[in-house]
Amino acid sequence: RFGGIVALDRVSFQVEPGGIVGLIGPNGAGK
């Protein structure tokens, strides 16, 4: 949270060893 703005809201994911993972989303998504 930045003041009253929630930039990330209970984000969960895993990255496996040796993998290639893309993190995407519209502008302002929290990437």
PDB file of all heavy atoms in Angstrom:
ATOM      1  N   ARG A   1       0.846  -1.200   0.000  1.00  0.00           N
ATOM      2  CA  ARG A   1       0.000   0.000   0.000  1.00  0.00           C
ATOM      3  C   ARG A   1       0.877   1.244   0.000  1.00  0.00           C
ATOM      4  O   ARG A   1       1.893   1.302   0.688  1.00  0.00           O
ATOM      5  CB  ARG A   1      -0.904   0.039   1.232  1.00  0.00           C
ATOM      6  CG  ARG A   1      -1.806  -1.171   1.412  1.00  0.00           C
ATOM      7  CD  ARG A   1      -2.739  -0.989   2.619  1.00  0.00           C
ATOM      8  NE  ARG A   1      -3.438  -2.225   2.938  1.00  0.00           N
ATOM      9  CZ  ARG A   1      -2.978  -3.147   3.782  1.00  0.00           C
ATOM     10  NH1 ARG A   1      -1.807  -2.946   4.398  1.00  0.00           N
ATOM     11  NH2 ARG A   1      -3.665  -4.241   4.026  1.00  0.00           N
ATOM     12  N   PHE A   2       0.479   2.233  -0.774  1.00  0.00           N
ATOM     13  CA  PHE A   2       1.098   3.553  -0.755  1.00  0.00           C
ATOM     14  C   PHE A   2       0.020   4.532  -0.311  1.00  0.00           C
ATOM     15  O   PHE A   2      -0.792   4.981  -1.114  1.00  0.00           O
ATOM     16  CB  PHE A   2       1.644   3.932  -2.130  1.00  0.00           C
ATOM     17  CG  PHE A   2       2.705   3.001  -2.651  1.00  0.00           C
ATOM     18  CD1 PHE A   2       2.482   2.207  -3.763  1.00  0.00           C
ATOM     19  CD2 PHE A   2       3.939   2.917  -2.025  1.00  0.00           C
ATOM     20  CE1 PHE A   2       3.460   1.356  -4.248  1.00  0.00           C
ATOM     21  CE2 PHE A   2       4.924   2.068  -2.490  1.00  0.00           C
ATOM     22  CZ  PHE A   2       4.688   1.283  -3.607  1.00  0.00           C
ATOM     23  N   GLY A   3      -0.003   4.823   0.994  1.00  0.00           N
ATOM     24  CA  GLY A   3      -1.087   5.638   1.523  1.00  0.00           C
ATOM     25  C   GLY A   3      -2.394   4.881   1.376  1.00  0.00           C
ATOM     26  O   GLY A   3      -2.528   3.745   1.829  1.00  0.00           O
ATOM     27  N   GLY A   4      -3.359   5.484   0.705  1.00  0.00           N
ATOM     28  CA  GLY A   4      -4.649   4.826   0.516  1.00  0.00           C
ATOM     29  C   GLY A   4      -4.717   3.995  -0.746  1.00  0.00           C
ATOM     30  O   GLY A   4      -5.761   3.406  -1.058  1.00  0.00           O
ATOM     31  N   ILE A   5      -3.618   3.933  -1.509  1.00  0.00           N
ATOM     32  CA  ILE A   5      -3.599   3.184  -2.770  1.00  0.00           C
ATOM     33  C   ILE A   5      -3.046   1.784  -2.530  1.00  0.00           C
ATOM     34  O   ILE A   5      -1.971   1.617  -1.950  1.00  0.00           O
ATOM     35  CB  ILE A   5      -2.742   3.906  -3.825  1.00  0.00           C
ATOM     36  CG1 ILE A   5      -3.332   5.289  -4.129  1.00  0.00           C
ATOM     37  CG2 ILE A   5      -2.637   3.075  -5.100  1.00  0.00           C
ATOM     38  CD1 ILE A   5      -2.463   6.135  -5.026  1.00  0.00           C
ATOM     39  N   VAL A   6      -3.777   0.775  -2.991  1.00  0.00           N
ATOM     40  CA  VAL A   6      -3.315  -0.611  -2.889  1.00  0.00           C
ATOM     41  C   VAL A   6      -2.653  -0.971  -4.213  1.00  0.00           C
ATOM     42  O   VAL A   6      -3.327  -1.186  -5.225  1.00  0.00           O
ATOM     43  CB  VAL A   6      -4.475  -1.578  -2.587  1.00  0.00           C
ATOM     44  CG1 VAL A   6      -3.956  -3.006  -2.480  1.00  0.00           C
ATOM     45  CG2 VAL A   6      -5.181  -1.175  -1.295  1.00  0.00           C
ATOM     46  N   ALA A   7      -1.322  -1.026  -4.217  1.00  0.00           N
ATOM     47  CA  ALA A   7      -0.572  -1.318  -5.446  1.00  0.00           C
ATOM     48  C   ALA A   7      -0.547  -2.812  -5.750  1.00  0.00           C
ATOM     49  O   ALA A   7      -0.591  -3.220  -6.912  1.00  0.00           O
ATOM     50  CB  ALA A   7       0.847  -0.782  -5.322  1.00  0.00           C
ATOM     51  N   LEU A   8      -0.468  -3.636  -4.694  1.00  0.00           N
ATOM     52  CA  LEU A   8      -0.546  -5.089  -4.829  1.00  0.00           C
ATOM     53  C   LEU A   8      -1.516  -5.610  -3.786  1.00  0.00           C
ATOM     54  O   LEU A   8      -1.443  -5.218  -2.616  1.00  0.00           O
ATOM     55  CB  LEU A   8       0.828  -5.741  -4.637  1.00  0.00           C
ATOM     56  CG  LEU A   8       1.905  -5.443  -5.688  1.00  0.00           C
ATOM     57  CD1 LEU A   8       3.236  -6.055  -5.266  1.00  0.00           C
ATOM     58  CD2 LEU A   8       1.489  -5.947  -7.060  1.00  0.00           C
ATOM     59  N   ASP A   9      -2.407  -6.497  -4.206  1.00  0.00           N
ATOM     60  CA  ASP A   9      -3.481  -6.963  -3.329  1.00  0.00           C
ATOM     61  C   ASP A   9      -3.456  -8.483  -3.236  1.00  0.00           C
ATOM     62  O   ASP A   9      -3.999  -9.190  -4.082  1.00  0.00           O
ATOM     63  CB  ASP A   9      -4.826  -6.480  -3.892  1.00  0.00           C
ATOM     64  CG  ASP A   9      -5.990  -6.753  -2.940  1.00  0.00           C
ATOM     65  OD1 ASP A   9      -5.757  -7.317  -1.852  1.00  0.00           O
ATOM     66  OD2 ASP A   9      -7.125  -6.403  -3.302  1.00  0.00           O
ATOM     67  N   ARG A  10      -2.731  -9.001  -2.230  1.00  0.00           N
ATOM     68  CA  ARG A  10      -2.650 -10.437  -1.951  1.00  0.00           C
ATOM     69  C   ARG A  10      -2.228 -11.234  -3.196  1.00  0.00           C
ATOM     70  O   ARG A  10      -2.867 -12.215  -3.580  1.00  0.00           O
ATOM     71  CB  ARG A  10      -3.976 -10.961  -1.397  1.00  0.00           C
ATOM     72  CG  ARG A  10      -4.373 -10.328  -0.075  1.00  0.00           C
ATOM     73  CD  ARG A  10      -5.679 -10.891   0.461  1.00  0.00           C
ATOM     74  NE  ARG A  10      -5.550 -12.313   0.778  1.00  0.00           N
ATOM     75  CZ  ARG A  10      -5.042 -12.800   1.903  1.00  0.00           C
ATOM     76  NH1 ARG A  10      -4.599 -11.984   2.848  1.00  0.00           N
ATOM     77  NH2 ARG A  10      -4.974 -14.115   2.115  1.00  0.00           N
ATOM     78  N   VAL A  11      -1.143 -10.815  -3.800  1.00  0.00           N
ATOM     79  CA  VAL A  11      -0.626 -11.469  -5.009  1.00  0.00           C
ATOM     80  C   VAL A  11       0.144 -12.735  -4.626  1.00  0.00           C
ATOM     81  O   VAL A  11       1.017 -12.699  -3.754  1.00  0.00           O
ATOM     82  CB  VAL A  11       0.283 -10.517  -5.809  1.00  0.00           C
ATOM     83  CG1 VAL A  11       1.002 -11.263  -6.925  1.00  0.00           C
ATOM     84  CG2 VAL A  11      -0.538  -9.365  -6.374  1.00  0.00           C
ATOM     85  N   SER A  12      -0.184 -13.831  -5.298  1.00  0.00           N
ATOM     86  CA  SER A  12       0.499 -15.104  -5.054  1.00  0.00           C
ATOM     87  C   SER A  12       0.791 -15.795  -6.381  1.00  0.00           C
ATOM     88  O   SER A  12      -0.061 -15.826  -7.274  1.00  0.00           O
ATOM     89  CB  SER A  12      -0.364 -16.037  -4.198  1.00  0.00           C
ATOM     90  OG  SER A  12      -0.604 -15.507  -2.918  1.00  0.00           O
ATOM     91  N   PHE A  13       1.985 -16.327  -6.525  1.00  0.00           N
ATOM     92  CA  PHE A  13       2.346 -17.183  -7.658  1.00  0.00           C
ATOM     93  C   PHE A  13       3.694 -17.817  -7.354  1.00  0.00           C
ATOM     94  O   PHE A  13       4.417 -17.405  -6.447  1.00  0.00           O
ATOM     95  CB  PHE A  13       2.388 -16.415  -8.988  1.00  0.00           C
ATOM     96  CG  PHE A  13       3.475 -15.369  -9.082  1.00  0.00           C
ATOM     97  CD1 PHE A  13       4.737 -15.678  -9.587  1.00  0.00           C
ATOM     98  CD2 PHE A  13       3.233 -14.067  -8.670  1.00  0.00           C
ATOM     99  CE1 PHE A  13       5.724 -14.718  -9.674  1.00  0.00           C
ATOM    100  CE2 PHE A  13       4.221 -13.095  -8.759  1.00  0.00           C
ATOM    101  CZ  PHE A  13       5.467 -13.426  -9.262  1.00  0.00           C
ATOM    102  N   GLN A  14       4.030 -18.836  -8.134  1.00  0.00           N
ATOM    103  CA  GLN A  14       5.299 -19.539  -7.962  1.00  0.00           C
ATOM    104  C   GLN A  14       6.061 -19.590  -9.280  1.00  0.00           C
ATOM    105  O   GLN A  14       5.462 -19.579 -10.354  1.00  0.00           O
ATOM    106  CB  GLN A  14       5.061 -20.968  -7.455  1.00  0.00           C
ATOM    107  CG  GLN A  14       4.462 -21.034  -6.058  1.00  0.00           C
ATOM    108  CD  GLN A  14       4.267 -22.471  -5.595  1.00  0.00           C
ATOM    109  OE1 GLN A  14       4.156 -23.396  -6.390  1.00  0.00           O
ATOM    110  NE2 GLN A  14       4.239 -22.658  -4.280  1.00  0.00           N
ATOM    111  N   VAL A  15       7.378 -19.637  -9.176  1.00  0.00           N
ATOM    112  CA  VAL A  15       8.250 -19.778 -10.338  1.00  0.00           C
ATOM    113  C   VAL A  15       9.101 -21.022 -10.121  1.00  0.00           C
ATOM    114  O   VAL A  15       9.811 -21.121  -9.119  1.00  0.00           O
ATOM    115  CB  VAL A  15       9.151 -18.536 -10.525  1.00  0.00           C
ATOM    116  CG1 VAL A  15      10.111 -18.749 -11.686  1.00  0.00           C
ATOM    117  CG2 VAL A  15       8.300 -17.288 -10.744  1.00  0.00           C
ATOM    118  N   GLU A  16       9.006 -21.951 -11.066  1.00  0.00           N
ATOM    119  CA  GLU A  16       9.741 -23.204 -10.945  1.00  0.00           C
ATOM    120  C   GLU A  16      11.194 -23.027 -11.381  1.00  0.00           C
ATOM    121  O   GLU A  16      11.499 -22.204 -12.256  1.00  0.00           O
ATOM    122  CB  GLU A  16       9.083 -24.287 -11.804  1.00  0.00           C
ATOM    123  CG  GLU A  16       7.616 -24.514 -11.506  1.00  0.00           C
ATOM    124  CD  GLU A  16       7.363 -24.850 -10.046  1.00  0.00           C
ATOM    125  OE1 GLU A  16       8.169 -25.611  -9.471  1.00  0.00           O
ATOM    126  OE2 GLU A  16       6.373 -24.346  -9.479  1.00  0.00           O
ATOM    127  N   PRO A  17      12.121 -23.793 -10.817  1.00  0.00           N
ATOM    128  CA  PRO A  17      13.534 -23.697 -11.214  1.00  0.00           C
ATOM    129  C   PRO A  17      13.714 -23.983 -12.698  1.00  0.00           C
ATOM    130  O   PRO A  17      13.134 -24.925 -13.233  1.00  0.00           O
ATOM    131  CB  PRO A  17      14.216 -24.779 -10.358  1.00  0.00           C
ATOM    132  CG  PRO A  17      13.288 -25.036  -9.230  1.00  0.00           C
ATOM    133  CD  PRO A  17      11.909 -24.800  -9.763  1.00  0.00           C
ATOM    134  N   GLY A  18      14.490 -23.137 -13.371  1.00  0.00           N
ATOM    135  CA  GLY A  18      14.772 -23.340 -14.780  1.00  0.00           C
ATOM    136  C   GLY A  18      13.690 -22.872 -15.725  1.00  0.00           C
ATOM    137  O   GLY A  18      13.815 -23.023 -16.941  1.00  0.00           O
ATOM    138  N   GLY A  19      12.637 -22.260 -15.183  1.00  0.00           N
ATOM    139  CA  GLY A  19      11.537 -21.799 -16.017  1.00  0.00           C
ATOM    140  C   GLY A  19      11.747 -20.394 -16.557  1.00  0.00           C
ATOM    141  O   GLY A  19      12.603 -19.651 -16.087  1.00  0.00           O
ATOM    142  N   ILE A  20      10.948 -20.039 -17.561  1.00  0.00           N
ATOM    143  CA  ILE A  20      10.869 -18.668 -18.059  1.00  0.00           C
ATOM    144  C   ILE A  20       9.431 -18.224 -17.866  1.00  0.00           C
ATOM    145  O   ILE A  20       8.507 -18.786 -18.472  1.00  0.00           O
ATOM    146  CB  ILE A  20      11.263 -18.567 -19.544  1.00  0.00           C
ATOM    147  CG1 ILE A  20      12.698 -19.046 -19.763  1.00  0.00           C
ATOM    148  CG2 ILE A  20      11.116 -17.123 -20.032  1.00  0.00           C
ATOM    149  CD1 ILE A  20      13.130 -19.065 -21.226  1.00  0.00           C
ATOM    150  N   VAL A  21       9.242 -17.236 -17.001  1.00  0.00           N
ATOM    151  CA  VAL A  21       7.896 -16.786 -16.631  1.00  0.00           C
ATOM    152  C   VAL A  21       7.727 -15.326 -17.020  1.00  0.00           C
ATOM    153  O   VAL A  21       8.583 -14.491 -16.726  1.00  0.00           O
ATOM    154  CB  VAL A  21       7.647 -16.966 -15.115  1.00  0.00           C
ATOM    155  CG1 VAL A  21       6.271 -16.423 -14.720  1.00  0.00           C
ATOM    156  CG2 VAL A  21       7.774 -18.438 -14.729  1.00  0.00           C
ATOM    157  N   GLY A  22       6.620 -15.026 -17.693  1.00  0.00           N
ATOM    158  CA  GLY A  22       6.297 -13.656 -18.057  1.00  0.00           C
ATOM    159  C   GLY A  22       5.308 -13.057 -17.079  1.00  0.00           C
ATOM    160  O   GLY A  22       4.324 -13.710 -16.704  1.00  0.00           O
ATOM    161  N   LEU A  23       5.577 -11.834 -16.644  1.00  0.00           N
ATOM    162  CA  LEU A  23       4.679 -11.105 -15.745  1.00  0.00           C
ATOM    163  C   LEU A  23       4.117  -9.926 -16.532  1.00  0.00           C
ATOM    164  O   LEU A  23       4.864  -9.021 -16.920  1.00  0.00           O
ATOM    165  CB  LEU A  23       5.453 -10.621 -14.512  1.00  0.00           C
ATOM    166  CG  LEU A  23       4.680  -9.830 -13.452  1.00  0.00           C
ATOM    167  CD1 LEU A  23       3.602 -10.700 -12.809  1.00  0.00           C
ATOM    168  CD2 LEU A  23       5.632  -9.298 -12.381  1.00  0.00           C
ATOM    169  N   ILE A  24       2.824  -9.959 -16.817  1.00  0.00           N
ATOM    170  CA  ILE A  24       2.225  -8.943 -17.669  1.00  0.00           C
ATOM    171  C   ILE A  24       1.032  -8.289 -16.988  1.00  0.00           C
ATOM    172  O   ILE A  24       0.574  -8.727 -15.935  1.00  0.00           O
ATOM    173  CB  ILE A  24       1.794  -9.527 -19.036  1.00  0.00           C
ATOM    174  CG1 ILE A  24       0.650 -10.539 -18.848  1.00  0.00           C
ATOM    175  CG2 ILE A  24       2.975 -10.166 -19.747  1.00  0.00           C
ATOM    176  CD1 ILE A  24       0.058 -11.014 -20.165  1.00  0.00           C
ATOM    177  N   GLY A  25       0.509  -7.244 -17.635  1.00  0.00           N
ATOM    178  CA  GLY A  25      -0.658  -6.533 -17.129  1.00  0.00           C
ATOM    179  C   GLY A  25      -0.687  -5.134 -17.693  1.00  0.00           C
ATOM    180  O   GLY A  25       0.349  -4.606 -18.113  1.00  0.00           O
ATOM    181  N   PRO A  26      -1.856  -4.501 -17.717  1.00  0.00           N
ATOM    182  CA  PRO A  26      -1.953  -3.122 -18.209  1.00  0.00           C
ATOM    183  C   PRO A  26      -1.111  -2.169 -17.366  1.00  0.00           C
ATOM    184  O   PRO A  26      -0.638  -2.521 -16.272  1.00  0.00           O
ATOM    185  CB  PRO A  26      -3.455  -2.807 -18.065  1.00  0.00           C
ATOM    186  CG  PRO A  26      -4.125  -4.137 -17.938  1.00  0.00           C
ATOM    187  CD  PRO A  26      -3.142  -5.043 -17.279  1.00  0.00           C
ATOM    188  N   ASN A  27      -0.920  -0.958 -17.855  1.00  0.00           N
ATOM    189  CA  ASN A  27      -0.193   0.058 -17.084  1.00  0.00           C
ATOM    190  C   ASN A  27      -0.859   0.253 -15.731  1.00  0.00           C
ATOM    191  O   ASN A  27      -2.091   0.309 -15.624  1.00  0.00           O
ATOM    192  CB  ASN A  27      -0.181   1.394 -17.837  1.00  0.00           C
ATOM    193  CG  ASN A  27       0.732   1.357 -19.043  1.00  0.00           C
ATOM    194  OD1 ASN A  27       1.717   0.612 -19.065  1.00  0.00           O
ATOM    195  ND2 ASN A  27       0.429   2.152 -20.057  1.00  0.00           N
ATOM    196  N   GLY A  28      -0.031   0.345 -14.681  1.00  0.00           N
ATOM    197  CA  GLY A  28      -0.563   0.541 -13.334  1.00  0.00           C
ATOM    198  C   GLY A  28      -1.050  -0.730 -12.669  1.00  0.00           C
ATOM    199  O   GLY A  28      -1.658  -0.685 -11.597  1.00  0.00           O
ATOM    200  N   ALA A  29      -0.754  -1.888 -13.277  1.00  0.00           N
ATOM    201  CA  ALA A  29      -1.243  -3.154 -12.728  1.00  0.00           C
ATOM    202  C   ALA A  29      -0.481  -3.589 -11.486  1.00  0.00           C
ATOM    203  O   ALA A  29      -0.969  -4.409 -10.706  1.00  0.00           O
ATOM    204  CB  ALA A  29      -1.166  -4.256 -13.788  1.00  0.00           C
ATOM    205  N   GLY A  30       0.755  -3.070 -11.307  1.00  0.00           N
ATOM    206  CA  GLY A  30       1.540  -3.438 -10.132  1.00  0.00           C
ATOM    207  C   GLY A  30       2.794  -4.234 -10.445  1.00  0.00           C
ATOM    208  O   GLY A  30       3.482  -4.702  -9.536  1.00  0.00           O
ATOM    209  N   LYS A  31       3.122  -4.363 -11.730  1.00  0.00           N
ATOM    210  CA  LYS A  31       4.264  -5.200 -12.132  1.00  0.00           C
ATOM    211  C   LYS A  31       5.589  -4.664 -11.586  1.00  0.00           C
ATOM    212  O   LYS A  31       6.384  -5.413 -11.018  1.00  0.00           O
ATOM    213  CB  LYS A  31       4.332  -5.280 -13.668  1.00  0.00           C
ATOM    214  CG  LYS A  31       3.057  -5.770 -14.327  1.00  0.00           C
ATOM    215  CD  LYS A  31       3.207  -5.881 -15.826  1.00  0.00           C
ATOM    216  CE  LYS A  31       3.476  -4.543 -16.500  1.00  0.00           C
ATOM    217  NZ  LYS A  31       2.370  -3.575 -16.353  1.00  0.00           N
TER     218      LYS A  31
END
